[in-house]
Protein backbone atom coordinates (compact mmCIF):
# COMPACT_ATOMS: atom_id res chain seq x y z
CA MET A 1 0.00 0.00 0.00
CA ALA A 2 1.37 3.41 -0.96
CA LYS A 3 2.15 5.91 1.76
CA THR A 4 -0.49 8.66 1.91
CA THR A 5 1.01 12.11 2.27
CA GLU A 6 -2.04 14.27 1.57
CA VAL A 7 -5.82 13.93 1.90
CA GLU A 8 -8.29 16.56 0.77
CA TYR A 9 -12.04 16.85 1.35
CA THR A 10 -14.59 19.07 -0.32
CA ASN A 11 -16.85 21.12 1.95
CA LYS A 12 -19.69 18.69 1.20
CA GLU A 13 -17.55 15.63 2.03
CA LEU A 14 -16.34 17.23 5.28
CA LEU A 15 -19.90 18.11 6.30
CA ILE A 16 -21.08 14.54 5.68
CA LEU A 17 -18.15 13.12 7.68
CA MET A 18 -18.97 15.45 10.57
CA LEU A 19 -22.67 14.47 10.50
CA LYS A 20 -21.68 10.80 10.65
CA ASP A 21 -19.13 11.44 13.41
CA GLN A 22 -21.77 13.14 15.55
CA GLY A 23 -24.48 10.56 14.80
CA ILE A 24 -26.83 13.17 13.30
CA HIS A 25 -29.62 11.67 11.19
CA GLU A 26 -32.10 14.51 10.67
CA GLY A 27 -32.31 18.15 9.69
CA ASN A 28 -30.55 20.39 7.21
CA TRP A 29 -26.97 21.27 8.11
CA ALA A 30 -24.37 23.72 6.83
CA LEU A 31 -20.61 23.89 7.31
CA SER A 32 -19.05 27.05 8.68
CA ALA A 33 -15.56 28.15 9.65
CA LYS A 34 -14.32 29.98 12.72
CA LEU A 35 -11.89 32.69 11.67
CA LYS A 36 -9.32 34.82 13.49
CA PHE A 37 -8.25 38.13 12.01
CA SER A 38 -4.93 39.81 12.78
CA THR A 39 -3.47 43.08 11.61
CA MET A 40 0.16 43.99 11.03
CA ASN A 41 2.45 46.25 9.05
CA LEU A 42 4.33 44.74 6.13
CA GLY A 43 7.21 46.15 4.16
CA GLU A 44 10.34 45.07 2.34
CA LEU A 45 12.83 47.71 3.44
CA ALA A 46 14.95 46.96 6.52
CA ASP A 47 14.20 50.36 8.08
CA GLY A 48 10.41 49.82 7.73
CA SER A 49 9.90 53.06 5.80
CA ASP A 50 7.75 51.31 3.16
CA ALA A 51 5.50 49.48 5.66
CA SER A 52 1.80 49.31 4.87
CA PRO A 53 -1.14 48.13 6.97
CA ALA A 54 -2.04 44.52 6.21
CA GLY A 55 -4.22 41.74 7.53
CA ALA A 56 -4.15 37.99 7.87
CA ILE A 57 -7.04 35.59 8.33
CA ALA A 58 -6.55 32.21 9.99
CA VAL A 59 -9.03 29.34 10.04
CA VAL A 60 -9.04 28.22 13.69
CA GLY A 61 -11.88 25.72 13.51
CA CYS A 62 -14.92 24.52 11.66
CA ARG A 63 -18.39 23.54 12.79
CA ILE A 64 -21.72 22.34 11.52
CA GLU A 65 -24.87 24.33 12.10
CA ARG A 66 -28.48 23.24 11.72
CA VAL A 67 -30.42 25.48 9.35
CA PRO A 68 -34.22 25.78 9.33
CA GLU A 69 -34.65 25.06 5.62
CA PRO A 70 -32.61 23.61 2.75
CA LEU A 71 -29.98 25.94 1.31
CA PRO A 72 -27.88 25.52 -1.84
CA PHE A 73 -24.89 24.56 0.33
CA SER A 74 -26.65 22.59 3.10
CA ILE A 75 -26.92 18.82 3.47
CA ASN A 76 -29.99 16.85 4.54
CA ALA A 77 -28.73 14.54 7.28
CA ALA A 78 -31.51 12.01 6.67
CA GLU A 79 -30.15 11.47 3.13
CA ALA A 80 -26.43 11.76 3.91
CA ASN A 81 -26.49 9.69 7.11
CA PRO A 82 -29.68 7.60 7.24
CA LYS A 83 -30.49 5.59 10.36
CA LYS A 84 -29.60 1.92 9.92
């Protein structure tokens, strides 16, 4: 078996895996990300005279959220993770 060095999931695949992990079998669910925003000054010159305000966004977590009605990006848990 080849050594796996990278695995990638689509948002839909990740949402379905999370529904299965949590044992959720009903409702419409959407995936969301928890973000952290930081500001800084960036420049290329050693003395900092060309520095400009900048920002960076980090993904610090993801979650699933039940939504009251189907959305174009939501998943129906009854279809994705039916009770056995």
